């Protein structure tokens, strides 16, 4: 009965989905703070991790360099979404990241709508190609968004073009929340992880 229910409703999965793959941040102390293991790091399967901090604090260095390198060492395919147009290939190569297409995929995007559509299509195509395979035989993938804070809404684009900057009235926060919720629902039973960076503003 339980197996039939899970099979008949595509949005459901059964059993536990504890992470089996941990991706190192490149810093033993940070790994330990995250998971209690110096050789651990961030969890992959069906999990979401965000690094938030001041500008220049090393968020991109940890996520787009160190963690991507560990992905490549552990057979996890990283999909890097650059919303700041700041991740140069030379910078990544100098940090020992393999930028060849069979080792990683880099996409640039500016609006929440575009990035949401891309992630949704990526996961749907992944499920179509690999969904029938046993869980342990499906390829592992990490989606990295660097950064959430630089994503913009279509309304912000429209206001800029009209020269009328009224603010987004909280629309951006709602759309980001919706994007993350839907993405987490889609990867919940897959060997796919989501990682993002976000800048924070601290008071002086």
C-alpha atoms as a PDB file:
ATOM      1  CA  UNK A   1       0.000   0.000   0.000  1.00  0.00           C
ATOM      2  CA  UNK A   2       2.720   2.482   0.986  1.00  0.00           C
ATOM      3  CA  UNK A   3       4.733   1.835  -2.177  1.00  0.00           C
ATOM      4  CA  UNK A   4       1.640   2.201  -4.379  1.00  0.00           C
ATOM      5  CA  UNK A   5       0.761   5.548  -2.765  1.00  0.00           C
ATOM      6  CA  UNK A   6       4.275   6.929  -3.343  1.00  0.00           C
ATOM      7  CA  UNK A   7       4.321   5.717  -6.964  1.00  0.00           C
ATOM      8  CA  UNK A   8       0.852   7.040  -7.817  1.00  0.00           C
ATOM      9  CA  UNK A   9       1.531  10.573  -6.526  1.00  0.00           C
ATOM     10  CA  UNK A  10       4.687  11.983  -8.222  1.00  0.00           C
ATOM     11  CA  UNK A  11       5.114  14.753  -5.667  1.00  0.00           C
ATOM     12  CA  UNK A  12       5.559  12.326  -2.778  1.00  0.00           C
ATOM     13  CA  UNK A  13       8.572  10.316  -1.696  1.00  0.00           C
ATOM     14  CA  UNK A  14       8.918   7.792   1.095  1.00  0.00           C
ATOM     15  CA  UNK A  15      11.514   7.149   3.762  1.00  0.00           C
ATOM     16  CA  UNK A  16      14.245   9.414   5.063  1.00  0.00           C
ATOM     17  CA  UNK A  17      16.619  11.436   2.928  1.00  0.00           C
ATOM     18  CA  UNK A  18      19.559  12.162   5.221  1.00  0.00           C
ATOM     19  CA  UNK A  19      22.479  13.768   3.366  1.00  0.00           C
ATOM     20  CA  UNK A  20      25.164  11.314   2.335  1.00  0.00           C
ATOM     21  CA  UNK A  21      27.423  13.814   0.570  1.00  0.00           C
ATOM     22  CA  UNK A  22      29.156  16.694   2.343  1.00  0.00           C
ATOM     23  CA  UNK A  23      30.996  19.374   0.392  1.00  0.00           C
ATOM     24  CA  UNK A  24      33.945  21.062   2.042  1.00  0.00           C
ATOM     25  CA  UNK A  25      34.099  24.837   2.379  1.00  0.00           C
ATOM     26  CA  UNK A  26      37.884  24.652   2.334  1.00  0.00           C
ATOM     27  CA  UNK A  27      38.001  25.704   5.992  1.00  0.00           C
ATOM     28  CA  UNK A  28      38.102  22.991   8.670  1.00  0.00           C
ATOM     29  CA  UNK A  29      36.747  25.311  11.364  1.00  0.00           C
ATOM     30  CA  UNK A  30      33.777  26.344   9.197  1.00  0.00           C
ATOM     31  CA  UNK A  31      33.091  22.721   8.243  1.00  0.00           C
ATOM     32  CA  UNK A  32      32.952  21.819  11.935  1.00  0.00           C
ATOM     33  CA  UNK A  33      30.640  24.730  12.752  1.00  0.00           C
ATOM     34  CA  UNK A  34      28.222  23.616  10.021  1.00  0.00           C
ATOM     35  CA  UNK A  35      28.053  19.864  10.632  1.00  0.00           C
ATOM     36  CA  UNK A  36      30.278  18.939  13.571  1.00  0.00           C
ATOM     37  CA  UNK A  37      32.905  17.300  11.359  1.00  0.00           C
ATOM     38  CA  UNK A  38      36.196  18.937  10.328  1.00  0.00           C
ATOM     39  CA  UNK A  39      36.088  16.965   7.053  1.00  0.00           C
ATOM     40  CA  UNK A  40      32.405  17.667   6.417  1.00  0.00           C
ATOM     41  CA  UNK A  41      30.941  20.898   5.085  1.00  0.00           C
ATOM     42  CA  UNK A  42      27.561  21.656   3.560  1.00  0.00           C
ATOM     43  CA  UNK A  43      24.993  18.900   2.907  1.00  0.00           C
ATOM     44  CA  UNK A  44      23.979  18.062  -0.652  1.00  0.00           C
ATOM     45  CA  UNK A  45      20.946  15.822  -1.117  1.00  0.00           C
ATOM     46  CA  UNK A  46      17.736  17.874  -1.062  1.00  0.00           C
ATOM     47  CA  UNK A  47      19.226  20.560   1.193  1.00  0.00           C
ATOM     48  CA  UNK A  48      19.549  24.345   0.998  1.00  0.00           C
ATOM     49  CA  UNK A  49      22.521  26.259   2.389  1.00  0.00           C
ATOM     50  CA  UNK A  50      23.092  30.011   2.335  1.00  0.00           C
ATOM     51  CA  UNK A  51      26.240  31.974   3.136  1.00  0.00           C
ATOM     52  CA  UNK A  52      25.382  35.537   4.136  1.00  0.00           C
ATOM     53  CA  UNK A  53      27.827  38.266   5.057  1.00  0.00           C
ATOM     54  CA  UNK A  54      29.278  41.662   4.313  1.00  0.00           C
ATOM     55  CA  UNK A  55      30.566  42.506   0.864  1.00  0.00           C
ATOM     56  CA  UNK A  56      34.119  41.208   0.482  1.00  0.00           C
ATOM     57  CA  UNK A  57      33.823  38.692   3.335  1.00  0.00           C
ATOM     58  CA  UNK A  58      34.652  35.719   1.089  1.00  0.00           C
ATOM     59  CA  UNK A  59      31.224  34.311   0.217  1.00  0.00           C
ATOM     60  CA  UNK A  60      32.023  33.821  -3.481  1.00  0.00           C
ATOM     61  CA  UNK A  61      35.468  32.429  -2.663  1.00  0.00           C
ATOM     62  CA  UNK A  62      33.898  29.734  -0.469  1.00  0.00           C
ATOM     63  CA  UNK A  63      30.918  28.882  -2.679  1.00  0.00           C
ATOM     64  CA  UNK A  64      32.066  29.437  -6.258  1.00  0.00           C
ATOM     65  CA  UNK A  65      35.653  28.269  -5.778  1.00  0.00           C
ATOM     66  CA  UNK A  66      36.237  25.993  -2.775  1.00  0.00           C
ATOM     67  CA  UNK A  67      32.894  24.177  -2.821  1.00  0.00           C
ATOM     68  CA  UNK A  68      32.897  23.900  -6.620  1.00  0.00           C
ATOM     69  CA  UNK A  69      36.378  22.329  -6.427  1.00  0.00           C
ATOM     70  CA  UNK A  70      35.132  19.805  -3.867  1.00  0.00           C
ATOM     71  CA  UNK A  71      32.104  19.080  -6.070  1.00  0.00           C
ATOM     72  CA  UNK A  72      34.429  18.220  -8.933  1.00  0.00           C
ATOM     73  CA  UNK A  73      36.596  16.038  -6.680  1.00  0.00           C
ATOM     74  CA  UNK A  74      33.538  14.099  -5.452  1.00  0.00           C
ATOM     75  CA  UNK A  75      31.712  13.653  -8.752  1.00  0.00           C
ATOM     76  CA  UNK A  76      29.040  16.283  -8.089  1.00  0.00           C
ATOM     77  CA  UNK A  77      28.124  18.452 -11.088  1.00  0.00           C
ATOM     78  CA  UNK A  78      28.007  22.158 -10.130  1.00  0.00           C
ATOM     79  CA  UNK A  79      25.659  24.560 -11.918  1.00  0.00           C
ATOM     80  CA  UNK A  80      26.842  28.079 -11.149  1.00  0.00           C
ATOM     81  CA  UNK A  81      24.318  30.905 -11.565  1.00  0.00           C
ATOM     82  CA  UNK A  82      26.165  34.236 -11.640  1.00  0.00           C
ATOM     83  CA  UNK A  83      23.770  37.125 -10.963  1.00  0.00           C
ATOM     84  CA  UNK A  84      26.521  39.701 -10.408  1.00  0.00           C
ATOM     85  CA  UNK A  85      28.490  39.090 -13.633  1.00  0.00           C
ATOM     86  CA  UNK A  86      31.539  38.948 -11.386  1.00  0.00           C
ATOM     87  CA  UNK A  87      32.841  35.384 -11.727  1.00  0.00           C
ATOM     88  CA  UNK A  88      35.627  35.522 -14.314  1.00  0.00           C
ATOM     89  CA  UNK A  89      36.996  32.296 -15.744  1.00  0.00           C
ATOM     90  CA  UNK A  90      40.598  33.334 -15.027  1.00  0.00           C
ATOM     91  CA  UNK A  91      39.748  33.896 -11.355  1.00  0.00           C
ATOM     92  CA  UNK A  92      38.210  30.427 -11.109  1.00  0.00           C
ATOM     93  CA  UNK A  93      41.069  28.757 -12.986  1.00  0.00           C
ATOM     94  CA  UNK A  94      43.640  30.487 -10.744  1.00  0.00           C
ATOM     95  CA  UNK A  95      41.808  28.882  -7.791  1.00  0.00           C
ATOM     96  CA  UNK A  96      42.132  25.408  -9.403  1.00  0.00           C
ATOM     97  CA  UNK A  97      38.520  25.170 -10.603  1.00  0.00           C
ATOM     98  CA  UNK A  98      38.067  23.134 -13.783  1.00  0.00           C
ATOM     99  CA  UNK A  99      35.860  25.342 -15.987  1.00  0.00           C
ATOM    100  CA  UNK A 100      35.369  22.816 -18.806  1.00  0.00           C
ATOM    101  CA  UNK A 101      31.717  22.114 -19.689  1.00  0.00           C
ATOM    102  CA  UNK A 102      31.848  18.495 -18.584  1.00  0.00           C
ATOM    103  CA  UNK A 103      32.962  19.603 -15.096  1.00  0.00           C
ATOM    104  CA  UNK A 104      30.681  22.581 -14.483  1.00  0.00           C
ATOM    105  CA  UNK A 105      28.066  24.815 -16.083  1.00  0.00           C
ATOM    106  CA  UNK A 106      27.975  28.595 -15.635  1.00  0.00           C
ATOM    107  CA  UNK A 107      24.885  30.663 -16.356  1.00  0.00           C
ATOM    108  CA  UNK A 108      24.413  34.416 -15.998  1.00  0.00           C
ATOM    109  CA  UNK A 109      20.992  35.753 -15.043  1.00  0.00           C
ATOM    110  CA  UNK A 110      19.618  38.990 -13.643  1.00  0.00           C
ATOM    111  CA  UNK A 111      15.895  38.610 -12.924  1.00  0.00           C
ATOM    112  CA  UNK A 112      14.181  36.325 -10.433  1.00  0.00           C
ATOM    113  CA  UNK A 113      11.789  35.192 -13.173  1.00  0.00           C
ATOM    114  CA  UNK A 114      14.606  34.111 -15.504  1.00  0.00           C
ATOM    115  CA  UNK A 115      16.587  32.297 -12.815  1.00  0.00           C
ATOM    116  CA  UNK A 116      13.443  30.600 -11.469  1.00  0.00           C
ATOM    117  CA  UNK A 117      12.485  29.412 -14.951  1.00  0.00           C
ATOM    118  CA  UNK A 118      16.009  28.129 -15.602  1.00  0.00           C
ATOM    119  CA  UNK A 119      16.183  26.192 -12.334  1.00  0.00           C
ATOM    120  CA  UNK A 120      12.709  24.742 -12.860  1.00  0.00           C
ATOM    121  CA  UNK A 121      13.565  23.604 -16.389  1.00  0.00           C
ATOM    122  CA  UNK A 122      16.912  22.180 -15.257  1.00  0.00           C
ATOM    123  CA  UNK A 123      15.316  20.084 -12.504  1.00  0.00           C
ATOM    124  CA  UNK A 124      12.426  18.931 -14.709  1.00  0.00           C
ATOM    125  CA  UNK A 125      14.852  17.782 -17.431  1.00  0.00           C
ATOM    126  CA  UNK A 126      16.990  16.065 -14.782  1.00  0.00           C
ATOM    127  CA  UNK A 127      13.954  14.144 -13.497  1.00  0.00           C
ATOM    128  CA  UNK A 128      12.877  13.228 -17.016  1.00  0.00           C
ATOM    129  CA  UNK A 129      16.327  11.818 -17.809  1.00  0.00           C
ATOM    130  CA  UNK A 130      17.242  10.259 -14.472  1.00  0.00           C
ATOM    131  CA  UNK A 131      14.035   9.991 -12.430  1.00  0.00           C
ATOM    132  CA  UNK A 132      13.401   6.331 -13.283  1.00  0.00           C
ATOM    133  CA  UNK A 133      16.858   5.255 -12.114  1.00  0.00           C
ATOM    134  CA  UNK A 134      17.458   3.957  -8.578  1.00  0.00           C
ATOM    135  CA  UNK A 135      18.299   6.854  -6.271  1.00  0.00           C
ATOM    136  CA  UNK A 136      21.913   5.771  -5.829  1.00  0.00           C
ATOM    137  CA  UNK A 137      22.442   5.702  -9.614  1.00  0.00           C
ATOM    138  CA  UNK A 138      21.254   9.249 -10.252  1.00  0.00           C
ATOM    139  CA  UNK A 139      24.016  11.832 -10.838  1.00  0.00           C
ATOM    140  CA  UNK A 140      24.597  14.341  -8.064  1.00  0.00           C
ATOM    141  CA  UNK A 141      24.216  18.040  -8.763  1.00  0.00           C
ATOM    142  CA  UNK A 142      24.636  21.305  -6.853  1.00  0.00           C
ATOM    143  CA  UNK A 143      22.910  24.512  -7.962  1.00  0.00           C
ATOM    144  CA  UNK A 144      24.760  27.627  -6.769  1.00  0.00           C
ATOM    145  CA  UNK A 145      23.228  31.121  -6.912  1.00  0.00           C
ATOM    146  CA  UNK A 146      25.796  33.876  -6.383  1.00  0.00           C
ATOM    147  CA  UNK A 147      24.052  35.966  -5.224  1.00  0.00           C
ATOM    148  CA  UNK A 148      20.384  36.197  -4.241  1.00  0.00           C
ATOM    149  CA  UNK A 149      20.694  39.857  -3.327  1.00  0.00           C
ATOM    150  CA  UNK A 150      21.598  40.955  -6.852  1.00  0.00           C
ATOM    151  CA  UNK A 151      18.548  39.366  -8.458  1.00  0.00           C
ATOM    152  CA  UNK A 152      15.958  41.906  -9.596  1.00  0.00           C
ATOM    153  CA  UNK A 153      12.242  41.785 -10.325  1.00  0.00           C
ATOM    154  CA  UNK A 154      10.607  42.683 -13.658  1.00  0.00           C
ATOM    155  CA  UNK A 155       8.938  45.545 -11.805  1.00  0.00           C
ATOM    156  CA  UNK A 156      12.340  46.978 -10.895  1.00  0.00           C
ATOM    157  CA  UNK A 157      13.379  46.787 -14.560  1.00  0.00           C
ATOM    158  CA  UNK A 158      10.188  48.592 -15.575  1.00  0.00           C
ATOM    159  CA  UNK A 159      10.694  51.321 -12.958  1.00  0.00           C
ATOM    160  CA  UNK A 160      14.296  51.826 -14.109  1.00  0.00           C
ATOM    161  CA  UNK A 161      13.237  52.162 -17.747  1.00  0.00           C
ATOM    162  CA  UNK A 162      10.541  54.665 -16.774  1.00  0.00           C
ATOM    163  CA  UNK A 163      12.899  56.604 -14.482  1.00  0.00           C
ATOM    164  CA  UNK A 164      10.505  56.165 -11.561  1.00  0.00           C
ATOM    165  CA  UNK A 165      12.203  54.407  -8.619  1.00  0.00           C
ATOM    166  CA  UNK A 166       9.377  53.797  -6.133  1.00  0.00           C
ATOM    167  CA  UNK A 167      10.799  50.708  -4.463  1.00  0.00           C
ATOM    168  CA  UNK A 168       9.484  47.176  -4.844  1.00  0.00           C
ATOM    169  CA  UNK A 169       6.989  47.239  -1.923  1.00  0.00           C
ATOM    170  CA  UNK A 170       8.281  43.882  -0.690  1.00  0.00           C
ATOM    171  CA  UNK A 171       7.688  42.146  -4.032  1.00  0.00           C
ATOM    172  CA  UNK A 172      11.307  40.994  -4.362  1.00  0.00           C
ATOM    173  CA  UNK A 173      11.344  39.291  -0.965  1.00  0.00           C
ATOM    174  CA  UNK A 174       8.115  37.454  -1.754  1.00  0.00           C
ATOM    175  CA  UNK A 175       9.350  36.307  -5.161  1.00  0.00           C
ATOM    176  CA  UNK A 176      12.677  35.101  -3.744  1.00  0.00           C
ATOM    177  CA  UNK A 177      10.868  33.183  -1.014  1.00  0.00           C
ATOM    178  CA  UNK A 178       8.580  31.600  -3.585  1.00  0.00           C
ATOM    179  CA  UNK A 179      11.527  30.647  -5.829  1.00  0.00           C
ATOM    180  CA  UNK A 180      13.347  28.961  -2.946  1.00  0.00           C
ATOM    181  CA  UNK A 181      10.231  27.141  -1.698  1.00  0.00           C
ATOM    182  CA  UNK A 182       9.386  25.726  -5.126  1.00  0.00           C
ATOM    183  CA  UNK A 183      13.006  24.749  -5.775  1.00  0.00           C
ATOM    184  CA  UNK A 184      13.226  22.932  -2.429  1.00  0.00           C
ATOM    185  CA  UNK A 185       9.991  21.080  -3.179  1.00  0.00           C
ATOM    186  CA  UNK A 186      11.404  19.974  -6.542  1.00  0.00           C
ATOM    187  CA  UNK A 187      14.739  18.704  -5.186  1.00  0.00           C
ATOM    188  CA  UNK A 188      13.385  17.172  -1.970  1.00  0.00           C
ATOM    189  CA  UNK A 189      13.737  13.559  -3.141  1.00  0.00           C
ATOM    190  CA  UNK A 190      16.679  14.044  -5.496  1.00  0.00           C
ATOM    191  CA  UNK A 191      20.483  13.994  -5.038  1.00  0.00           C
ATOM    192  CA  UNK A 192      20.481  17.715  -5.793  1.00  0.00           C
ATOM    193  CA  UNK A 193      21.461  20.540  -3.453  1.00  0.00           C
ATOM    194  CA  UNK A 194      20.904  24.294  -3.513  1.00  0.00           C
ATOM    195  CA  UNK A 195      23.511  26.791  -2.336  1.00  0.00           C
ATOM    196  CA  UNK A 196      23.266  30.579  -2.372  1.00  0.00           C
ATOM    197  CA  UNK A 197      25.077  33.665  -1.176  1.00  0.00           C
ATOM    198  CA  UNK A 198      23.490  36.872   0.052  1.00  0.00           C
ATOM    199  CA  UNK A 199      24.926  40.176   1.203  1.00  0.00           C
ATOM    200  CA  UNK A 200      23.821  41.634   4.500  1.00  0.00           C
ATOM    201  CA  UNK A 201      23.861  45.242   5.620  1.00  0.00           C
ATOM    202  CA  UNK A 202      25.204  45.772   9.114  1.00  0.00           C
ATOM    203  CA  UNK A 203      24.674  48.887  11.161  1.00  0.00           C
ATOM    204  CA  UNK A 204      27.635  51.041  12.132  1.00  0.00           C
END
